[in-house]
Amino acid sequence: MKKLTQMSNSNLVIEYEILADKEQLFEQWQSELRAAVSKFKGYLRTDIYPPVIGVHNKWYIVVCFDNSANLTCWLDSDIRHELIRIGRKNFAPYEYKNWGTGLEAWFDKNPSSKPKSMLPAWKQNFAVLFGLYPVVMIENLLFSHFQLMESWTLANKIFVGNIISCSLLTWVVMPLATKLLNFWLNPQQNLFKNNLIGTSLVFVGYGLMISIFNFLS
């Protein structure tokens, strides 16, 4: 299990439950998967974790890439789709998850659904800033207006402020922001046009918020 703590920045974890009479076939399928993925740019390694007797009967395959863009190329490739099709045909249903920036949970509206390609890190960054900036500014303006925590130390004020900001982002702001920006975060067609319009609107939003908060403060 130690290898799980040494994963690279962008990883794909595949989980399968395999019947005993299909383990040999599964191991052959694993070899084909490793051979295919190793040809892709940015590939680092594939870690295989077999079932632990008495604990669980699941196989875990961890595919590691150097960054999210290269991992996405693998996720979207025809060879991966073909290998997954073969896996579905021969084995029980599978699940997979991927990690890139650590912010993905804020953009996954339905974690139990079939995963999509990884959202680009730059979009995650802009979208989080779109939600975080107004939360922090409103929080600071309210605290200042009502003179809350005036006698507290800086460390205590920052800690409480971060609790409030993170809670609002997770349960209120980011669900609304991702819904508002969904056409840009997950474009269905004309990627360039959606990126151009969406990015422009986000920066217009930044400008409006800065102007409003400068006026209020």
C-alpha atoms as a PDB file:
ATOM      1  CA  MET A   1       0.000   0.000   0.000  1.00  0.00           C
ATOM      2  CA  LYS A   2       2.971   2.326   0.383  1.00  0.00           C
ATOM      3  CA  LYS A   3       3.018   3.018  -3.366  1.00  0.00           C
ATOM      4  CA  LEU A   4      -0.329   4.750  -3.111  1.00  0.00           C
ATOM      5  CA  THR A   5       1.340   7.644  -1.284  1.00  0.00           C
ATOM      6  CA  GLN A   6       3.850   8.135  -4.108  1.00  0.00           C
ATOM      7  CA  MET A   7       1.424   8.757  -6.957  1.00  0.00           C
ATOM      8  CA  SER A   8       2.231  11.449  -9.483  1.00  0.00           C
ATOM      9  CA  ASN A   9       0.227  14.601 -10.116  1.00  0.00           C
ATOM     10  CA  SER A  10      -2.307  12.979 -12.477  1.00  0.00           C
ATOM     11  CA  ASN A  11      -3.554   9.445 -12.017  1.00  0.00           C
ATOM     12  CA  LEU A  12      -6.277   7.080 -13.128  1.00  0.00           C
ATOM     13  CA  VAL A  13      -7.484   4.425 -10.680  1.00  0.00           C
ATOM     14  CA  ILE A  14      -9.435   1.509 -12.190  1.00  0.00           C
ATOM     15  CA  GLU A  15     -11.337  -0.867  -9.918  1.00  0.00           C
ATOM     16  CA  TYR A  16     -12.546  -4.333 -10.937  1.00  0.00           C
ATOM     17  CA  GLU A  17     -14.127  -7.265  -9.152  1.00  0.00           C
ATOM     18  CA  ILE A  18     -12.864 -10.406 -10.865  1.00  0.00           C
ATOM     19  CA  LEU A  19     -14.175 -13.949 -10.437  1.00  0.00           C
ATOM     20  CA  ALA A  20     -11.528 -16.550  -9.672  1.00  0.00           C
ATOM     21  CA  ASP A  21     -12.040 -18.383 -12.974  1.00  0.00           C
ATOM     22  CA  LYS A  22     -11.285 -15.195 -14.943  1.00  0.00           C
ATOM     23  CA  GLU A  23      -8.124 -14.048 -13.173  1.00  0.00           C
ATOM     24  CA  GLN A  24      -5.816 -15.401 -15.883  1.00  0.00           C
ATOM     25  CA  LEU A  25      -7.822 -13.616 -18.584  1.00  0.00           C
ATOM     26  CA  PHE A  26      -7.769 -10.448 -16.491  1.00  0.00           C
ATOM     27  CA  GLU A  27      -3.991 -10.574 -16.092  1.00  0.00           C
ATOM     28  CA  GLN A  28      -3.648 -10.905 -19.876  1.00  0.00           C
ATOM     29  CA  TRP A  29      -5.932  -7.876 -20.308  1.00  0.00           C
ATOM     30  CA  GLN A  30      -3.792  -5.938 -17.804  1.00  0.00           C
ATOM     31  CA  SER A  31      -0.678  -6.657 -19.866  1.00  0.00           C
ATOM     32  CA  GLU A  32      -2.371  -5.347 -23.004  1.00  0.00           C
ATOM     33  CA  LEU A  33      -3.455  -2.208 -21.155  1.00  0.00           C
ATOM     34  CA  ARG A  34       0.069  -1.557 -19.826  1.00  0.00           C
ATOM     35  CA  ALA A  35       1.568  -2.060 -23.276  1.00  0.00           C
ATOM     36  CA  ALA A  36      -0.917   0.362 -24.851  1.00  0.00           C
ATOM     37  CA  VAL A  37      -0.701   3.143 -22.262  1.00  0.00           C
ATOM     38  CA  SER A  38       3.114   3.012 -22.119  1.00  0.00           C
ATOM     39  CA  LYS A  39       3.250   4.441 -25.671  1.00  0.00           C
ATOM     40  CA  PHE A  40       1.507   7.682 -24.680  1.00  0.00           C
ATOM     41  CA  LYS A  41       3.309  10.933 -23.952  1.00  0.00           C
ATOM     42  CA  GLY A  42       3.794  11.672 -20.266  1.00  0.00           C
ATOM     43  CA  TYR A  43       3.219   8.087 -19.105  1.00  0.00           C
ATOM     44  CA  LEU A  44       5.110   7.286 -15.898  1.00  0.00           C
ATOM     45  CA  ARG A  45       4.055   3.851 -14.674  1.00  0.00           C
ATOM     46  CA  THR A  46       1.209   1.442 -13.975  1.00  0.00           C
ATOM     47  CA  ASP A  47       0.779   0.007 -10.470  1.00  0.00           C
ATOM     48  CA  ILE A  48      -1.260  -3.177  -9.977  1.00  0.00           C
ATOM     49  CA  TYR A  49      -2.851  -4.005  -6.614  1.00  0.00           C
ATOM     50  CA  PRO A  50      -4.371  -7.519  -6.492  1.00  0.00           C
ATOM     51  CA  PRO A  51      -7.100  -8.561  -4.020  1.00  0.00           C
ATOM     52  CA  VAL A  52      -6.169  -8.901  -0.357  1.00  0.00           C
ATOM     53  CA  ILE A  53      -7.411 -12.211   1.019  1.00  0.00           C
ATOM     54  CA  GLY A  54      -9.863 -11.667   3.850  1.00  0.00           C
ATOM     55  CA  VAL A  55     -10.044  -7.925   3.239  1.00  0.00           C
ATOM     56  CA  HIS A  56     -11.471  -7.327  -0.271  1.00  0.00           C
ATOM     57  CA  ASN A  57     -11.711  -9.096  -3.629  1.00  0.00           C
ATOM     58  CA  LYS A  58     -11.063  -6.097  -5.877  1.00  0.00           C
ATOM     59  CA  TRP A  59      -8.218  -5.441  -8.297  1.00  0.00           C
ATOM     60  CA  TYR A  60      -6.912  -1.869  -8.531  1.00  0.00           C
ATOM     61  CA  ILE A  61      -4.929  -0.526 -11.486  1.00  0.00           C
ATOM     62  CA  VAL A  62      -3.285   2.884 -10.993  1.00  0.00           C
ATOM     63  CA  VAL A  63      -2.106   4.540 -14.213  1.00  0.00           C
ATOM     64  CA  CYS A  64       0.223   7.501 -13.582  1.00  0.00           C
ATOM     65  CA  PHE A  65       0.943  10.412 -15.914  1.00  0.00           C
ATOM     66  CA  ASP A  66       3.062  13.520 -15.463  1.00  0.00           C
ATOM     67  CA  ASN A  67       0.165  15.963 -15.967  1.00  0.00           C
ATOM     68  CA  SER A  68      -3.582  16.125 -16.529  1.00  0.00           C
ATOM     69  CA  ALA A  69      -3.352  17.028 -20.229  1.00  0.00           C
ATOM     70  CA  ASN A  70      -1.405  13.870 -21.080  1.00  0.00           C
ATOM     71  CA  LEU A  71      -3.736  11.766 -18.941  1.00  0.00           C
ATOM     72  CA  THR A  72      -6.726  13.231 -20.788  1.00  0.00           C
ATOM     73  CA  CYS A  73      -5.170  12.227 -24.122  1.00  0.00           C
ATOM     74  CA  TRP A  74      -5.063   8.645 -22.869  1.00  0.00           C
ATOM     75  CA  LEU A  75      -8.622   8.827 -21.494  1.00  0.00           C
ATOM     76  CA  ASP A  76      -9.939  10.073 -24.846  1.00  0.00           C
ATOM     77  CA  SER A  77      -7.939   7.641 -26.999  1.00  0.00           C
ATOM     78  CA  ASP A  78      -9.548   5.004 -29.209  1.00  0.00           C
ATOM     79  CA  ILE A  79      -7.280   2.252 -27.866  1.00  0.00           C
ATOM     80  CA  ARG A  80      -8.363   2.905 -24.274  1.00  0.00           C
ATOM     81  CA  HIS A  81     -12.032   2.853 -25.266  1.00  0.00           C
ATOM     82  CA  GLU A  82     -11.469  -0.468 -27.059  1.00  0.00           C
ATOM     83  CA  LEU A  83      -9.687  -1.977 -24.049  1.00  0.00           C
ATOM     84  CA  ILE A  84     -12.479  -0.845 -21.733  1.00  0.00           C
ATOM     85  CA  ARG A  85     -15.037  -2.343 -24.119  1.00  0.00           C
ATOM     86  CA  ILE A  86     -13.210  -5.670 -23.938  1.00  0.00           C
ATOM     87  CA  GLY A  87     -13.012  -5.387 -20.158  1.00  0.00           C
ATOM     88  CA  ARG A  88     -16.730  -4.747 -19.858  1.00  0.00           C
ATOM     89  CA  LYS A  89     -17.455  -7.731 -22.080  1.00  0.00           C
ATOM     90  CA  ASN A  90     -15.290 -10.178 -20.131  1.00  0.00           C
ATOM     91  CA  PHE A  91     -15.442  -8.895 -16.560  1.00  0.00           C
ATOM     92  CA  ALA A  92     -17.829  -7.355 -14.060  1.00  0.00           C
ATOM     93  CA  PRO A  93     -18.674  -3.622 -14.292  1.00  0.00           C
ATOM     94  CA  TYR A  94     -15.811  -1.370 -13.320  1.00  0.00           C
ATOM     95  CA  GLU A  95     -15.287   2.052 -11.771  1.00  0.00           C
ATOM     96  CA  TYR A  96     -12.534   4.574 -12.229  1.00  0.00           C
ATOM     97  CA  LYS A  97     -11.508   7.923 -10.819  1.00  0.00           C
ATOM     98  CA  ASN A  98      -8.858  10.389 -11.817  1.00  0.00           C
ATOM     99  CA  TRP A  99      -6.970  13.094  -9.975  1.00  0.00           C
ATOM    100  CA  GLY A 100      -5.183  16.144 -11.334  1.00  0.00           C
ATOM    101  CA  THR A 101      -5.459  19.294  -9.245  1.00  0.00           C
ATOM    102  CA  GLY A 102      -7.354  18.053  -6.204  1.00  0.00           C
ATOM    103  CA  LEU A 103     -10.250  20.379  -7.026  1.00  0.00           C
ATOM    104  CA  GLU A 104     -12.193  17.921  -9.195  1.00  0.00           C
ATOM    105  CA  ALA A 105     -14.859  17.191  -6.561  1.00  0.00           C
ATOM    106  CA  TRP A 106     -16.134  20.785  -6.857  1.00  0.00           C
ATOM    107  CA  PHE A 107     -16.827  20.206 -10.563  1.00  0.00           C
ATOM    108  CA  ASP A 108     -18.340  16.705 -10.384  1.00  0.00           C
ATOM    109  CA  LYS A 109     -22.093  17.237 -10.188  1.00  0.00           C
ATOM    110  CA  ASN A 110     -22.816  13.506 -10.027  1.00  0.00           C
ATOM    111  CA  PRO A 111     -19.893  11.470  -8.629  1.00  0.00           C
ATOM    112  CA  SER A 112     -21.744   8.171  -9.201  1.00  0.00           C
ATOM    113  CA  SER A 113     -22.146   8.775 -12.930  1.00  0.00           C
ATOM    114  CA  LYS A 114     -19.756   7.707 -15.626  1.00  0.00           C
ATOM    115  CA  PRO A 115     -16.627   9.910 -15.349  1.00  0.00           C
ATOM    116  CA  LYS A 116     -15.846  12.411 -18.071  1.00  0.00           C
ATOM    117  CA  SER A 117     -12.506  13.583 -19.358  1.00  0.00           C
ATOM    118  CA  MET A 118     -10.535  15.531 -16.813  1.00  0.00           C
ATOM    119  CA  LEU A 119     -11.407  19.237 -16.670  1.00  0.00           C
ATOM    120  CA  PRO A 120      -8.379  21.381 -17.645  1.00  0.00           C
ATOM    121  CA  ALA A 121      -6.541  22.780 -14.625  1.00  0.00           C
ATOM    122  CA  TRP A 122      -6.700  26.360 -15.945  1.00  0.00           C
ATOM    123  CA  LYS A 123     -10.504  26.220 -16.103  1.00  0.00           C
ATOM    124  CA  GLN A 124     -10.667  24.824 -12.575  1.00  0.00           C
ATOM    125  CA  ASN A 125      -8.418  27.644 -11.376  1.00  0.00           C
ATOM    126  CA  PHE A 126     -10.471  30.407 -13.056  1.00  0.00           C
ATOM    127  CA  ALA A 127     -13.776  28.921 -11.867  1.00  0.00           C
ATOM    128  CA  VAL A 128     -12.597  28.585  -8.247  1.00  0.00           C
ATOM    129  CA  LEU A 129     -11.329  32.187  -8.304  1.00  0.00           C
ATOM    130  CA  PHE A 130     -14.722  33.237  -9.724  1.00  0.00           C
ATOM    131  CA  GLY A 131     -16.375  31.775  -6.625  1.00  0.00           C
ATOM    132  CA  LEU A 132     -13.686  32.398  -4.013  1.00  0.00           C
ATOM    133  CA  TYR A 133     -13.059  36.120  -4.590  1.00  0.00           C
ATOM    134  CA  PRO A 134     -16.603  37.355  -3.825  1.00  0.00           C
ATOM    135  CA  VAL A 135     -16.891  35.035  -0.804  1.00  0.00           C
ATOM    136  CA  VAL A 136     -13.691  36.383   0.769  1.00  0.00           C
ATOM    137  CA  MET A 137     -14.543  39.996  -0.035  1.00  0.00           C
ATOM    138  CA  ILE A 138     -18.103  39.820   1.335  1.00  0.00           C
ATOM    139  CA  GLU A 139     -16.818  38.013   4.413  1.00  0.00           C
ATOM    140  CA  ASN A 140     -14.185  40.699   5.081  1.00  0.00           C
ATOM    141  CA  LEU A 141     -16.613  43.563   4.455  1.00  0.00           C
ATOM    142  CA  LEU A 142     -19.177  42.096   6.867  1.00  0.00           C
ATOM    143  CA  PHE A 143     -16.592  41.389   9.551  1.00  0.00           C
ATOM    144  CA  SER A 144     -15.279  44.934   9.244  1.00  0.00           C
ATOM    145  CA  HIS A 145     -18.743  46.547   9.237  1.00  0.00           C
ATOM    146  CA  PHE A 146     -19.963  44.658  12.299  1.00  0.00           C
ATOM    147  CA  GLN A 147     -16.522  44.713  13.960  1.00  0.00           C
ATOM    148  CA  LEU A 148     -16.509  40.956  14.392  1.00  0.00           C
ATOM    149  CA  MET A 149     -13.444  39.257  15.913  1.00  0.00           C
ATOM    150  CA  GLU A 150     -11.729  42.640  16.350  1.00  0.00           C
ATOM    151  CA  SER A 151      -9.928  41.476  19.492  1.00  0.00           C
ATOM    152  CA  TRP A 152      -8.892  38.114  18.028  1.00  0.00           C
ATOM    153  CA  THR A 153      -5.352  37.313  16.951  1.00  0.00           C
ATOM    154  CA  LEU A 154      -4.638  37.273  13.205  1.00  0.00           C
ATOM    155  CA  ALA A 155      -4.103  33.491  13.215  1.00  0.00           C
ATOM    156  CA  ASN A 156      -7.495  32.872  14.842  1.00  0.00           C
ATOM    157  CA  LYS A 157      -9.326  35.272  12.517  1.00  0.00           C
ATOM    158  CA  ILE A 158      -7.755  33.728   9.408  1.00  0.00           C
ATOM    159  CA  PHE A 159      -8.570  30.200  10.603  1.00  0.00           C
ATOM    160  CA  VAL A 160     -12.247  30.981  11.266  1.00  0.00           C
ATOM    161  CA  GLY A 161     -12.478  32.932   8.024  1.00  0.00           C
ATOM    162  CA  ASN A 162     -11.083  29.959   6.095  1.00  0.00           C
ATOM    163  CA  ILE A 163     -13.606  27.602   7.702  1.00  0.00           C
ATOM    164  CA  ILE A 164     -16.453  29.874   6.599  1.00  0.00           C
ATOM    165  CA  SER A 165     -15.029  30.379   3.086  1.00  0.00           C
ATOM    166  CA  CYS A 166     -14.354  26.679   2.463  1.00  0.00           C
ATOM    167  CA  SER A 167     -17.793  25.674   3.746  1.00  0.00           C
ATOM    168  CA  LEU A 168     -19.567  28.234   1.571  1.00  0.00           C
ATOM    169  CA  LEU A 169     -17.514  27.240  -1.473  1.00  0.00           C
ATOM    170  CA  THR A 170     -18.172  23.525  -1.048  1.00  0.00           C
ATOM    171  CA  TRP A 171     -21.896  23.555  -0.318  1.00  0.00           C
ATOM    172  CA  VAL A 172     -23.196  26.821  -1.791  1.00  0.00           C
ATOM    173  CA  VAL A 173     -20.950  28.789  -4.138  1.00  0.00           C
ATOM    174  CA  MET A 174     -19.189  26.173  -6.289  1.00  0.00           C
ATOM    175  CA  PRO A 175     -22.375  24.209  -7.091  1.00  0.00           C
ATOM    176  CA  LEU A 176     -23.912  27.481  -8.332  1.00  0.00           C
ATOM    177  CA  ALA A 177     -20.741  28.590 -10.136  1.00  0.00           C
ATOM    178  CA  THR A 178     -20.296  25.274 -11.947  1.00  0.00           C
ATOM    179  CA  LYS A 179     -23.949  25.326 -12.998  1.00  0.00           C
ATOM    180  CA  LEU A 180     -23.597  28.902 -14.287  1.00  0.00           C
ATOM    181  CA  LEU A 181     -20.349  28.143 -16.131  1.00  0.00           C
ATOM    182  CA  ASN A 182     -21.244  24.634 -17.280  1.00  0.00           C
ATOM    183  CA  PHE A 183     -21.453  25.647 -20.978  1.00  0.00           C
ATOM    184  CA  TRP A 184     -17.781  26.672 -20.697  1.00  0.00           C
ATOM    185  CA  LEU A 185     -16.525  24.009 -18.295  1.00  0.00           C
ATOM    186  CA  ASN A 186     -18.064  21.132 -20.258  1.00  0.00           C
ATOM    187  CA  PRO A 187     -18.592  22.327 -23.854  1.00  0.00           C
ATOM    188  CA  GLN A 188     -20.531  19.909 -26.045  1.00  0.00           C
ATOM    189  CA  GLN A 189     -19.309  21.324 -29.356  1.00  0.00           C
ATOM    190  CA  ASN A 190     -17.190  24.075 -30.925  1.00  0.00           C
ATOM    191  CA  LEU A 191     -14.522  23.944 -28.203  1.00  0.00           C
ATOM    192  CA  PHE A 192     -12.613  27.029 -29.394  1.00  0.00           C
ATOM    193  CA  LYS A 193     -15.729  29.229 -29.542  1.00  0.00           C
ATOM    194  CA  ASN A 194     -16.922  28.081 -26.111  1.00  0.00           C
ATOM    195  CA  ASN A 195     -13.500  28.641 -24.576  1.00  0.00           C
ATOM    196  CA  LEU A 196     -13.254  32.126 -26.068  1.00  0.00           C
ATOM    197  CA  ILE A 197     -16.743  33.222 -25.000  1.00  0.00           C
ATOM    198  CA  GLY A 198     -16.571  31.542 -21.589  1.00  0.00           C
ATOM    199  CA  THR A 199     -13.129  32.877 -20.701  1.00  0.00           C
ATOM    200  CA  SER A 200     -14.156  36.381 -21.814  1.00  0.00           C
ATOM    201  CA  LEU A 201     -17.296  36.272 -19.650  1.00  0.00           C
ATOM    202  CA  VAL A 202     -15.310  35.043 -16.651  1.00  0.00           C
ATOM    203  CA  PHE A 203     -12.872  37.947 -16.955  1.00  0.00           C
ATOM    204  CA  VAL A 204     -15.750  40.395 -17.407  1.00  0.00           C
ATOM    205  CA  GLY A 205     -17.166  38.935 -14.203  1.00  0.00           C
ATOM    206  CA  TYR A 206     -13.824  39.471 -12.454  1.00  0.00           C
ATOM    207  CA  GLY A 207     -13.816  43.102 -13.579  1.00  0.00           C
ATOM    208  CA  LEU A 208     -17.387  43.743 -12.409  1.00  0.00           C
ATOM    209  CA  MET A 209     -16.719  42.191  -9.001  1.00  0.00           C
ATOM    210  CA  ILE A 210     -13.534  44.214  -8.528  1.00  0.00           C
ATOM    211  CA  SER A 211     -15.381  47.438  -9.436  1.00  0.00           C
ATOM    212  CA  ILE A 212     -18.287  46.666  -7.080  1.00  0.00           C
ATOM    213  CA  PHE A 213     -16.047  45.779  -4.139  1.00  0.00           C
ATOM    214  CA  ASN A 214     -13.833  48.808  -4.715  1.00  0.00           C
ATOM    215  CA  PHE A 215     -16.961  50.958  -4.555  1.00  0.00           C
ATOM    216  CA  LEU A 216     -18.260  49.230  -1.397  1.00  0.00           C
ATOM    217  CA  SER A 217     -14.932  49.400   0.406  1.00  0.00           C
END
